[in-house]
N, C-alpha and C. Protein backbone atom coordinates (compact mmCIF):
# COMPACT_ATOMS: atom_id res chain seq x y z
N UNK A 1 0.97 -1.32 -0.16
CA UNK A 1 -0.01 0.18 -0.06
C UNK A 1 0.95 1.32 0.01
N UNK A 2 0.45 1.99 -1.05
CA UNK A 2 1.28 3.53 -0.93
C UNK A 2 1.31 4.37 0.15
N UNK A 3 1.73 4.87 0.77
CA UNK A 3 1.88 6.02 2.00
C UNK A 3 0.79 6.75 1.90
N UNK A 4 0.30 7.59 0.85
CA UNK A 4 -0.83 8.16 0.17
C UNK A 4 -2.29 7.16 0.86
N UNK A 5 -2.28 5.36 0.36
CA UNK A 5 -3.44 5.29 0.52
C UNK A 5 -3.46 4.52 1.85
N UNK A 6 -2.24 4.58 2.82
CA UNK A 6 -2.29 4.29 3.89
C UNK A 6 -3.00 5.16 4.68
N UNK A 7 -2.99 6.47 4.32
CA UNK A 7 -3.22 7.73 4.82
C UNK A 7 -4.72 8.14 4.90
N UNK A 8 -5.07 7.46 3.60
CA UNK A 8 -6.65 7.62 3.34
C UNK A 8 -7.30 6.57 4.00
N UNK A 9 -6.54 5.09 4.16
CA UNK A 9 -7.42 4.21 4.83
C UNK A 9 -7.47 4.43 6.55
N UNK A 10 -6.41 5.03 6.90
CA UNK A 10 -6.48 5.01 8.37
C UNK A 10 -7.67 6.65 8.33
N UNK A 11 -7.40 7.29 7.85
CA UNK A 11 -8.54 8.58 7.98
C UNK A 11 -9.84 7.93 7.57
N UNK A 12 -10.22 7.17 6.69
CA UNK A 12 -11.45 6.74 6.63
C UNK A 12 -11.78 5.87 7.90
N UNK A 13 -10.67 4.75 8.15
CA UNK A 13 -11.08 4.28 9.54
C UNK A 13 -11.25 5.10 10.64
N UNK A 14 -10.92 6.11 11.08
CA UNK A 14 -11.14 6.73 11.94
C UNK A 14 -12.65 7.93 11.97
N UNK A 15 -12.61 8.24 10.45
CA UNK A 15 -14.03 8.78 10.43
C UNK A 15 -15.40 7.48 10.64
N UNK A 16 -15.10 6.86 9.49
CA UNK A 16 -16.17 5.61 9.63
C UNK A 16 -16.33 5.22 11.51
N UNK A 17 -15.47 5.17 12.05
CA UNK A 17 -15.67 4.83 13.61
C UNK A 17 -16.08 5.62 14.02
N UNK A 18 -15.62 7.09 14.34
CA UNK A 18 -15.92 8.09 15.01
C UNK A 18 -17.24 8.53 14.45
N UNK A 19 -17.65 8.52 13.18
CA UNK A 19 -19.18 8.96 12.38
C UNK A 19 -19.87 8.52 12.24
N UNK A 20 -19.53 6.98 11.74
CA UNK A 20 -20.66 6.22 11.04
C UNK A 20 -20.14 6.46 9.38
N UNK A 21 -20.26 5.19 8.90
CA UNK A 21 -19.90 4.76 7.57
C UNK A 21 -20.73 5.68 6.80
N UNK A 22 -22.52 5.88 6.66
CA UNK A 22 -23.19 6.86 5.67
C UNK A 22 -22.75 8.00 6.09
N UNK A 23 -22.35 8.24 7.00
CA UNK A 23 -22.35 9.32 7.53
C UNK A 23 -20.51 10.27 6.75
N UNK A 24 -20.06 9.54 6.55
CA UNK A 24 -18.79 9.98 6.04
C UNK A 24 -18.52 9.76 4.51
N UNK A 25 -18.01 10.89 3.50
CA UNK A 25 -17.87 10.85 2.19
C UNK A 25 -16.67 10.61 1.78
N UNK A 26 -16.31 10.47 0.48
CA UNK A 26 -15.03 10.40 -0.24
C UNK A 26 -14.54 11.51 -0.29
N UNK A 27 -15.18 12.78 -0.23
CA UNK A 27 -14.96 14.41 -0.29
C UNK A 27 -14.33 14.19 1.10
N UNK A 28 -14.60 13.90 2.24
CA UNK A 28 -14.17 14.09 3.49
C UNK A 28 -12.94 13.13 3.71
N UNK A 29 -13.12 11.92 3.26
CA UNK A 29 -11.75 11.19 3.56
C UNK A 29 -10.49 11.68 2.92
N UNK A 30 -10.70 12.22 1.64
CA UNK A 30 -9.81 12.64 1.28
C UNK A 30 -9.31 13.88 1.88
N UNK A 31 -9.58 14.97 1.98
CA UNK A 31 -9.43 16.04 2.61
C UNK A 31 -8.57 15.74 4.30
N UNK A 32 -9.49 14.53 4.84
CA UNK A 32 -8.57 14.19 6.15
C UNK A 32 -7.25 13.73 5.74
N UNK A 33 -7.29 13.00 4.76
CA UNK A 33 -5.78 12.21 4.05
C UNK A 33 -4.82 13.13 3.62
N UNK A 34 -5.11 14.43 3.10
CA UNK A 34 -4.23 15.01 2.16
C UNK A 34 -4.14 14.40 0.66
N UNK A 35 -5.52 13.61 0.24
CA UNK A 35 -5.12 13.14 -0.89
C UNK A 35 -6.20 13.80 -1.73
N UNK A 36 -6.04 13.07 -2.84
CA UNK A 36 -7.19 13.65 -4.20
C UNK A 36 -8.15 12.32 -4.00
N UNK A 37 -9.64 13.10 -4.50
CA UNK A 37 -10.52 11.56 -4.78
C UNK A 37 -9.84 11.11 -5.70
N UNK A 38 -9.00 11.37 -6.65
CA UNK A 38 -8.54 10.60 -7.83
C UNK A 38 -7.51 9.42 -7.05
N UNK A 39 -6.81 9.65 -6.04
CA UNK A 39 -5.90 8.73 -5.83
C UNK A 39 -7.00 7.80 -5.11
N UNK A 40 -8.07 8.59 -3.97
CA UNK A 40 -8.77 7.46 -3.29
C UNK A 40 -9.47 6.10 -4.56
N UNK A 41 -9.74 6.90 -5.67
CA UNK A 41 -10.83 5.76 -6.56
C UNK A 41 -9.64 5.03 -7.29
N UNK A 42 -8.35 5.76 -7.95
CA UNK A 42 -7.52 5.08 -7.93
C UNK A 42 -7.27 3.98 -7.18
N UNK A 43 -7.01 4.16 -5.74
CA UNK A 43 -6.43 2.96 -5.15
C UNK A 43 -7.55 1.72 -4.75
N UNK A 44 -8.96 2.12 -4.55
CA UNK A 44 -9.82 1.44 -3.77
C UNK A 44 -10.92 1.24 -4.96
N UNK A 45 -10.86 2.10 -5.92
CA UNK A 45 -12.58 1.88 -6.80
C UNK A 45 -13.56 2.43 -6.03
N UNK A 46 -13.99 2.18 -5.16
CA UNK A 46 -15.33 2.82 -4.46
C UNK A 46 -15.04 2.97 -2.92
N UNK A 47 -16.41 4.02 -2.79
CA UNK A 47 -16.34 3.88 -0.69
C UNK A 47 -16.47 2.58 -0.60
N UNK A 48 -17.48 1.92 -0.94
CA UNK A 48 -17.72 0.32 -0.54
C UNK A 48 -16.15 -0.47 -0.23
N UNK A 49 -15.46 0.00 -1.06
CA UNK A 49 -13.99 -1.17 -0.85
C UNK A 49 -13.43 -0.16 -0.43
N UNK A 50 -13.70 0.93 0.30
CA UNK A 50 -12.83 1.40 1.18
C UNK A 50 -13.32 1.04 2.77
N UNK A 51 -14.33 0.87 2.44
CA UNK A 51 -15.40 0.27 3.82
C UNK A 51 -14.49 -1.36 4.13
N UNK A 52 -14.91 -1.85 2.73
CA UNK A 52 -14.37 -3.14 3.45
C UNK A 52 -12.64 -3.43 3.93
N UNK A 53 -11.55 -2.30 3.21
CA UNK A 53 -10.40 -2.48 3.57
C UNK A 53 -10.35 -1.96 5.02
N UNK A 54 -11.02 -0.58 5.35
CA UNK A 54 -11.08 -0.18 6.52
C UNK A 54 -11.47 -1.37 7.79
N UNK A 55 -12.30 -2.30 7.69
CA UNK A 55 -13.05 -3.72 8.28
C UNK A 55 -12.23 -4.35 8.61
N UNK A 56 -11.24 -4.93 7.12
CA UNK A 56 -10.84 -5.96 6.88
C UNK A 56 -9.41 -5.53 8.01
N UNK A 57 -8.83 -4.13 7.91
CA UNK A 57 -7.63 -4.08 8.48
C UNK A 57 -8.03 -4.05 9.63
N UNK A 58 -9.16 -3.52 10.91
CA UNK A 58 -9.46 -3.51 11.97
C UNK A 58 -9.52 -5.12 12.51
N UNK A 59 -9.98 -5.77 11.70
CA UNK A 59 -10.24 -7.29 12.29
C UNK A 59 -8.49 -7.92 12.10
N UNK A 60 -7.65 -7.46 11.15
CA UNK A 60 -6.71 -8.04 11.46
C UNK A 60 -5.37 -7.92 12.49
N UNK A 61 -6.00 -6.09 12.49
CA UNK A 61 -5.55 -5.63 14.05
C UNK A 61 -5.89 -6.29 15.09
N UNK A 62 -6.83 -6.56 15.35
CA UNK A 62 -7.53 -7.18 16.43
C UNK A 62 -7.05 -8.72 16.77
N UNK A 63 -7.05 -9.56 15.56
CA UNK A 63 -6.56 -10.59 15.92
C UNK A 63 -5.29 -10.94 16.32
N UNK A 64 -4.46 -10.17 15.75
CA UNK A 64 -3.05 -9.59 16.27
C UNK A 64 -2.76 -9.04 17.57
N UNK A 65 -3.36 -8.43 18.08
CA UNK A 65 -3.36 -7.47 19.56
C UNK A 65 -4.15 -8.64 20.31
N UNK A 66 -5.02 -9.57 20.10
CA UNK A 66 -5.63 -10.83 20.56
C UNK A 66 -4.27 -12.03 20.84
N UNK A 67 -4.10 -12.04 19.93
CA UNK A 67 -2.80 -13.45 19.85
C UNK A 67 -1.88 -12.89 21.18
N UNK A 68 -1.64 -11.83 21.15
CA UNK A 68 -0.56 -11.71 22.60
C UNK A 68 -0.83 -12.45 23.42
N UNK A 69 -2.10 -11.80 23.79
CA UNK A 69 -2.70 -12.73 24.75
C UNK A 69 -3.20 -13.65 25.28
N UNK A 70 -3.75 -14.39 23.76
CA UNK A 70 -3.84 -15.95 23.99
C UNK A 70 -2.34 -16.54 24.12
N UNK A 71 -1.65 -15.84 23.79
CA UNK A 71 0.12 -16.51 23.88
C UNK A 71 0.55 -16.80 25.11
N UNK A 72 0.29 -15.49 26.33
CA UNK A 72 0.74 -15.48 27.62
C UNK A 72 -0.02 -16.05 28.60
N UNK A 73 -0.97 -16.53 27.80
CA UNK A 73 -1.94 -17.42 28.76
C UNK A 73 -1.71 -19.12 29.13
N UNK A 74 -1.16 -19.31 30.33
CA UNK A 74 -1.38 -20.52 30.36
C UNK A 74 -1.65 -21.87 30.05
N UNK A 75 -3.58 -21.45 30.83
CA UNK A 75 -4.32 -22.68 30.97
C UNK A 75 -5.44 -22.29 29.91
N UNK A 76 -6.31 -23.42 29.37
CA UNK A 76 -7.34 -23.16 28.69
C UNK A 76 -8.07 -22.38 29.53
N UNK A 77 -8.50 -22.19 30.87
CA UNK A 77 -9.34 -21.56 31.17
C UNK A 77 -8.78 -19.88 31.21
N UNK A 78 -7.40 -19.50 31.60
CA UNK A 78 -6.89 -18.60 31.29
C UNK A 78 -6.80 -17.82 29.94
N UNK A 79 -6.88 -18.74 28.74
CA UNK A 79 -6.87 -18.40 27.50
C UNK A 79 -8.49 -17.59 27.56
N UNK A 80 -9.37 -18.21 27.77
CA UNK A 80 -10.37 -17.66 27.46
C UNK A 80 -10.83 -16.59 28.62
N UNK A 81 -10.05 -16.26 29.61
CA UNK A 81 -10.34 -14.88 30.21
C UNK A 81 -9.23 -14.17 29.43
N UNK A 82 -8.14 -14.39 28.95
CA UNK A 82 -7.72 -13.34 28.12
C UNK A 82 -8.29 -12.67 26.82
N UNK A 83 -9.25 -13.29 26.52
CA UNK A 83 -10.04 -12.86 25.46
C UNK A 83 -10.54 -11.69 26.27
N UNK A 84 -11.25 -12.10 27.40
CA UNK A 84 -12.04 -10.64 27.62
C UNK A 84 -10.66 -9.83 28.21
N UNK A 85 -9.93 -10.01 28.55
CA UNK A 85 -8.67 -9.10 29.38
C UNK A 85 -8.41 -8.37 27.89
N UNK A 86 -8.26 -8.93 26.94
CA UNK A 86 -7.56 -8.15 25.53
C UNK A 86 -8.84 -7.02 24.72
N UNK A 87 -9.87 -7.78 25.13
CA UNK A 87 -11.34 -6.72 24.84
C UNK A 87 -11.00 -5.65 25.38
N UNK A 88 -10.94 -5.87 26.85
CA UNK A 88 -11.33 -4.61 27.83
C UNK A 88 -10.38 -3.57 27.51
N UNK A 89 -8.95 -4.04 27.07
CA UNK A 89 -7.92 -2.93 27.11
C UNK A 89 -7.98 -2.52 24.96
N UNK A 90 -8.14 -3.45 24.52
CA UNK A 90 -8.42 -2.77 23.33
C UNK A 90 -9.75 -2.02 23.42
N UNK A 91 -10.19 -2.24 24.00
CA UNK A 91 -11.92 -1.18 23.98
C UNK A 91 -11.64 0.05 24.70
N UNK A 92 -10.73 0.11 25.53
CA UNK A 92 -10.36 1.32 26.63
C UNK A 92 -9.33 2.14 25.77
N UNK A 93 -8.18 1.33 24.49
CA UNK A 93 -7.66 2.41 23.60
C UNK A 93 -8.18 2.70 22.56
N UNK A 94 -8.93 1.66 21.98
CA UNK A 94 -9.47 1.67 20.22
C UNK A 94 -10.67 1.86 20.36
N UNK A 95 -11.75 1.69 20.93
CA UNK A 95 -12.82 1.22 20.96
C UNK A 95 -14.33 2.26 22.02
N UNK A 96 -13.95 3.30 22.12
CA UNK A 96 -14.79 4.03 22.92
C UNK A 96 -16.66 3.94 22.57
N UNK A 97 -16.57 3.90 21.40
CA UNK A 97 -17.75 3.58 20.56
C UNK A 97 -18.48 2.25 20.69
N UNK A 98 -17.27 1.45 21.12
CA UNK A 98 -18.09 -0.07 21.26
C UNK A 98 -17.36 -0.77 19.85
N UNK A 99 -17.60 -1.97 19.53
CA UNK A 99 -16.99 -3.11 18.34
C UNK A 99 -17.70 -2.16 17.22
N UNK A 100 -16.74 -2.25 16.34
CA UNK A 100 -16.36 -1.40 14.96
C UNK A 100 -17.43 -2.47 14.09
N UNK A 101 -17.38 -4.18 14.05
CA UNK A 101 -18.01 -4.77 13.54
C UNK A 101 -19.49 -4.67 13.94
N UNK A 102 -19.71 -4.48 14.91
CA UNK A 102 -21.35 -4.47 15.40
C UNK A 102 -21.77 -2.78 14.59
N UNK A 103 -20.88 -2.20 14.93
CA UNK A 103 -21.39 -0.83 14.62
C UNK A 103 -21.43 -0.75 12.91
N UNK A 104 -20.44 -1.03 12.21
CA UNK A 104 -20.89 -1.46 11.06
C UNK A 104 -21.92 -2.49 10.38
N UNK A 105 -22.45 -3.33 11.35
CA UNK A 105 -23.64 -4.18 10.77
C UNK A 105 -24.93 -3.08 11.13
N UNK A 106 -24.53 -2.31 12.15
CA UNK A 106 -25.91 -1.54 11.98
C UNK A 106 -26.63 -0.37 10.88
N UNK A 107 -25.45 -0.45 10.62
CA UNK A 107 -25.54 0.22 8.77
C UNK A 107 -25.40 -0.37 7.50
N UNK A 108 -24.90 -1.48 7.28
CA UNK A 108 -24.92 -2.61 6.60
C UNK A 108 -25.08 -3.60 7.20
N UNK A 109 -26.53 -3.77 6.86
CA UNK A 109 -27.21 -5.48 7.25
C UNK A 109 -27.72 -5.52 5.91
N UNK A 110 -27.57 -5.40 4.21
CA UNK A 110 -27.36 -5.88 3.54
C UNK A 110 -26.48 -7.16 3.30
N UNK A 111 -26.59 -8.71 3.14
CA UNK A 111 -26.05 -9.24 2.88
C UNK A 111 -24.84 -9.24 1.38
N UNK A 112 -25.63 -8.54 0.43
CA UNK A 112 -24.97 -8.35 -0.50
C UNK A 112 -23.83 -7.55 -0.80
N UNK A 113 -24.03 -6.49 0.30
CA UNK A 113 -22.93 -5.63 0.39
C UNK A 113 -21.32 -6.20 0.42
N UNK A 114 -20.51 -5.62 -0.15
CA UNK A 114 -19.07 -6.29 -0.04
C UNK A 114 -18.07 -6.63 1.48
N UNK A 115 -19.17 -5.67 2.13
CA UNK A 115 -18.55 -5.44 3.69
C UNK A 115 -18.93 -6.77 4.62
N UNK A 116 -20.10 -6.85 4.13
CA UNK A 116 -20.92 -8.13 5.04
C UNK A 116 -20.41 -9.09 5.32
N UNK A 117 -19.18 -9.62 4.51
CA UNK A 117 -18.80 -11.17 4.42
C UNK A 117 -17.59 -10.75 5.63
N UNK A 118 -17.29 -9.63 5.47
CA UNK A 118 -15.78 -9.65 6.43
C UNK A 118 -16.78 -9.04 8.23
N UNK A 119 -17.88 -8.59 8.20
CA UNK A 119 -18.78 -8.32 9.41
C UNK A 119 -19.07 -9.58 10.17
N UNK A 120 -19.64 -10.62 9.30
CA UNK A 120 -20.32 -11.64 9.72
C UNK A 120 -19.09 -12.57 10.03
N UNK A 121 -17.93 -12.56 9.22
CA UNK A 121 -16.94 -13.28 9.43
C UNK A 121 -16.12 -13.71 10.48
N UNK A 122 -16.32 -11.83 10.97
CA UNK A 122 -15.44 -11.53 12.30
C UNK A 122 -16.08 -12.02 13.73
N UNK A 123 -17.62 -12.42 13.24
CA UNK A 123 -18.27 -12.64 14.46
C UNK A 123 -18.00 -14.38 14.41
N UNK A 124 -18.12 -15.17 13.38
CA UNK A 124 -17.94 -16.41 13.04
C UNK A 124 -16.57 -16.67 13.55
N UNK A 125 -15.71 -15.95 13.77
CA UNK A 125 -14.31 -16.69 13.76
C UNK A 125 -14.11 -16.25 15.56
N UNK A 126 -15.01 -15.03 15.96
CA UNK A 126 -14.65 -15.32 17.20
C UNK A 126 -15.89 -16.47 17.86
N UNK A 127 -16.45 -16.59 17.33
CA UNK A 127 -17.46 -18.06 18.17
C UNK A 127 -16.61 -19.19 17.80
N UNK A 128 -16.11 -19.26 17.12
CA UNK A 128 -14.87 -20.84 16.67
C UNK A 128 -13.79 -20.37 17.56
N UNK A 129 -13.37 -19.71 17.74
CA UNK A 129 -12.29 -19.00 18.90
C UNK A 129 -12.35 -19.69 20.23
N UNK A 130 -13.97 -19.72 20.62
CA UNK A 130 -14.53 -19.63 21.83
C UNK A 130 -14.81 -21.11 21.71
N UNK A 131 -15.45 -21.71 20.46
CA UNK A 131 -15.42 -23.40 20.76
C UNK A 131 -14.29 -24.09 20.63
N UNK A 132 -13.12 -23.39 20.01
CA UNK A 132 -12.16 -24.55 20.50
C UNK A 132 -11.46 -24.01 21.77
N UNK A 133 -11.56 -23.27 22.59
CA UNK A 133 -11.39 -22.97 24.03
C UNK A 133 -12.04 -23.56 24.75
N UNK A 134 -13.15 -23.42 24.43
CA UNK A 134 -14.03 -24.62 25.49
C UNK A 134 -14.12 -25.72 25.12
N UNK A 135 -13.60 -25.95 24.14
CA UNK A 135 -13.59 -27.95 23.65
C UNK A 135 -12.40 -28.31 24.88
N UNK A 136 -11.74 -27.43 25.09
CA UNK A 136 -10.18 -27.88 25.92
C UNK A 136 -10.77 -27.85 27.51
N UNK A 137 -12.27 -27.60 27.68
CA UNK A 137 -11.92 -27.52 29.33
C UNK A 137 -13.40 -28.14 29.15
N UNK A 138 -14.26 -28.38 28.31
CA UNK A 138 -15.79 -29.03 28.22
C UNK A 138 -15.95 -29.63 27.06
N UNK A 139 -15.28 -31.04 27.07
CA UNK A 139 -15.32 -31.43 25.53
C UNK A 139 -16.77 -31.58 25.22
N UNK A 140 -18.20 -32.09 26.24
CA UNK A 140 -19.21 -32.52 25.99
C UNK A 140 -19.95 -31.32 25.80
N UNK A 141 -19.84 -29.86 26.14
CA UNK A 141 -20.49 -28.58 26.36
C UNK A 141 -19.98 -27.95 25.25
N UNK A 142 -19.15 -27.97 24.73
CA UNK A 142 -18.10 -26.95 24.33
C UNK A 142 -18.72 -25.80 23.53
N UNK A 143 -20.44 -26.42 22.50
CA UNK A 143 -21.14 -25.43 21.92
C UNK A 143 -21.83 -24.56 23.01
N UNK A 144 -22.08 -25.15 23.63
CA UNK A 144 -23.24 -24.25 24.38
C UNK A 144 -22.08 -23.41 24.98
N UNK A 145 -20.91 -23.76 25.92
CA UNK A 145 -20.48 -22.80 26.35
C UNK A 145 -19.85 -22.15 25.25
N UNK A 146 -19.39 -21.99 24.62
CA UNK A 146 -18.55 -21.08 23.65
C UNK A 146 -19.71 -20.13 23.45
N UNK A 147 -21.40 -20.21 22.58
CA UNK A 147 -21.77 -19.53 23.04
C UNK A 147 -22.39 -18.46 24.16
N UNK A 148 -22.40 -19.38 25.34
CA UNK A 148 -22.92 -18.36 26.26
C UNK A 148 -21.33 -17.07 26.55
N UNK A 149 -20.16 -18.11 26.39
CA UNK A 149 -18.94 -16.76 26.51
C UNK A 149 -19.19 -15.73 25.60
N UNK A 150 -19.42 -15.91 24.57
CA UNK A 150 -19.97 -15.13 23.14
C UNK A 150 -20.72 -14.60 23.08
N UNK A 151 -22.11 -14.52 23.98
CA UNK A 151 -23.01 -13.63 24.36
C UNK A 151 -22.68 -12.82 25.45
N UNK A 152 -21.76 -13.20 26.52
CA UNK A 152 -21.27 -12.45 27.45
C UNK A 152 -20.01 -11.52 26.86
N UNK A 153 -19.32 -11.76 26.25
CA UNK A 153 -18.36 -11.26 25.73
C UNK A 153 -19.02 -9.68 24.54
N UNK A 154 -19.79 -10.53 23.33
CA UNK A 154 -20.44 -9.50 22.77
C UNK A 154 -21.23 -8.58 23.94
N UNK A 155 -22.21 -8.69 24.52
CA UNK A 155 -23.11 -8.01 25.40
C UNK A 155 -22.03 -6.66 25.88
N UNK A 156 -21.06 -7.02 26.39
CA UNK A 156 -19.91 -6.44 27.16
C UNK A 156 -19.42 -5.43 26.20
N UNK A 157 -19.14 -5.97 24.96
CA UNK A 157 -19.10 -5.22 24.20
C UNK A 157 -19.85 -3.77 23.64
N UNK A 158 -21.41 -4.38 23.61
CA UNK A 158 -22.41 -3.26 23.36
C UNK A 158 -22.71 -2.55 24.40
N UNK A 159 -22.92 -3.01 25.61
CA UNK A 159 -23.01 -1.93 26.14
C UNK A 159 -21.70 -1.30 27.11
N UNK A 160 -20.90 -1.42 26.82
CA UNK A 160 -19.44 -0.49 26.42
C UNK A 160 -19.48 0.48 25.97
N UNK A 161 -19.84 0.36 24.52
CA UNK A 161 -19.90 1.31 23.43
C UNK A 161 -21.45 2.06 23.62
N UNK A 162 -22.22 1.76 23.93
CA UNK A 162 -23.36 2.21 24.52
C UNK A 162 -23.19 2.88 25.79
N UNK A 163 -22.40 2.58 26.79
CA UNK A 163 -22.39 3.39 27.70
C UNK A 163 -23.26 3.39 29.03
N UNK A 164 -23.88 1.90 28.76
CA UNK A 164 -24.72 1.75 29.17
C UNK A 164 -24.55 1.88 31.03
N UNK A 165 -23.56 1.18 31.17
CA UNK A 165 -23.19 1.33 32.83
C UNK A 165 -21.40 1.15 32.69
N UNK A 166 -20.74 2.07 33.73
CA UNK A 166 -18.86 1.47 33.68
C UNK A 166 -18.61 0.47 33.70
N UNK A 167 -17.75 0.12 33.34
CA UNK A 167 -17.24 -1.81 33.30
C UNK A 167 -17.72 -2.73 32.83
N UNK A 168 -18.31 -2.45 32.09
CA UNK A 168 -19.31 -3.42 31.22
C UNK A 168 -18.33 -4.82 30.73
N UNK A 169 -17.06 -4.46 30.06
CA UNK A 169 -16.29 -5.42 29.52
C UNK A 169 -15.42 -6.26 30.48
N UNK A 170 -15.76 -5.60 31.26
CA UNK A 170 -14.81 -6.17 33.04
C UNK A 170 -15.80 -6.87 33.70
N UNK A 171 -17.46 -6.58 33.88
CA UNK A 171 -18.28 -7.88 34.25
C UNK A 171 -18.71 -8.80 33.67
N UNK A 172 -18.88 -8.87 32.02
CA UNK A 172 -18.64 -9.85 31.51
C UNK A 172 -17.31 -10.86 31.92
N UNK A 173 -16.26 -10.17 31.99
CA UNK A 173 -15.49 -11.00 31.75
C UNK A 173 -15.40 -11.68 33.47
N UNK A 174 -15.52 -11.29 34.56
CA UNK A 174 -16.43 -11.54 35.76
C UNK A 174 -17.22 -12.81 35.74
N UNK A 175 -18.23 -12.13 34.91
CA UNK A 175 -19.24 -13.22 34.61
C UNK A 175 -18.73 -14.46 34.12
N UNK A 176 -17.75 -14.34 33.40
CA UNK A 176 -17.31 -15.78 32.22
C UNK A 176 -16.60 -16.50 33.43
N UNK A 177 -15.75 -15.82 34.27
CA UNK A 177 -14.70 -16.25 35.31
C UNK A 177 -15.60 -17.12 36.32
N UNK A 178 -16.64 -16.64 36.81
CA UNK A 178 -17.19 -17.38 37.79
C UNK A 178 -18.41 -18.34 37.19
N UNK A 179 -18.85 -18.43 35.69
CA UNK A 179 -19.01 -19.37 35.02
C UNK A 179 -17.78 -20.53 34.78
N UNK A 180 -16.91 -20.20 34.64
CA UNK A 180 -15.78 -21.56 34.52
C UNK A 180 -15.32 -21.98 35.65
N UNK A 181 -16.10 -21.14 36.81
CA UNK A 181 -14.77 -21.28 38.00
C UNK A 181 -15.86 -22.27 38.52
N UNK A 182 -17.22 -22.20 38.55
CA UNK A 182 -18.27 -22.62 39.52
C UNK A 182 -18.63 -24.23 38.73
N UNK A 183 -18.08 -24.72 37.74
CA UNK A 183 -18.09 -25.85 37.06
C UNK A 183 -19.30 -25.66 36.21
N UNK A 184 -20.11 -24.53 36.14
CA UNK A 184 -21.20 -24.83 35.31
C UNK A 184 -21.01 -25.08 33.79
N UNK A 185 -20.29 -24.96 33.29
CA UNK A 185 -19.87 -25.26 32.11
C UNK A 185 -20.13 -26.63 31.69
N UNK A 186 -21.36 -27.22 31.43
CA UNK A 186 -21.76 -28.67 31.06
C UNK A 186 -20.44 -29.35 30.45
N UNK A 187 -20.32 -30.56 31.13
CA UNK A 187 -18.75 -31.30 30.61
C UNK A 187 -17.56 -31.09 31.15
N UNK A 188 -17.46 -29.97 31.94
CA UNK A 188 -16.44 -28.73 32.34
C UNK A 188 -15.52 -30.08 33.15
N UNK A 189 -13.82 -30.03 32.52
CA UNK A 189 -13.04 -30.93 33.12
C UNK A 189 -11.97 -29.36 34.09
N UNK A 190 -11.71 -29.97 35.58
CA UNK A 190 -10.93 -28.88 35.88
C UNK A 190 -9.41 -29.12 35.57
N UNK A 191 -9.10 -27.91 34.80
CA UNK A 191 -7.85 -27.34 34.17
C UNK A 191 -7.37 -26.01 34.67
């Protein structure tokens, strides 16, 4: 990616996240990035493709960020809780308005939009992650446990983004820890 294209993507990402995808036009992205509209269209082709690139970039950065937390966690339970810890820290630094994928889905619910598979794919990846982690501690009940963890995680992110109450992601983590510690996970084994 050229420096100008990177500036444009960074500007688009900031603007889309802060103001909403539909509220931000190509003219504003170009002005914020210090590039021409021609540069934007030459590199990305359309606003829709800029949205795709923004969401894919954000997802890639999230996965990389999360990988560090997962790698540092010594046990399956610790890895599950590390997802919540990573989300808490990511939200504190990068997501005052909540999950960018959830926010994007509020604006893009048409499955034919090119960004839709990025949005839903990120959530499918998160569920698969929770399922794999749950399988390590609750082989018999991994699917249900993973869905419960996913609901806690996503609910915490949404409540954080909407400023429903302070510490939403932290409470979701605490509830996940209680669930894992209490042995409420069906088929859980002590690890």
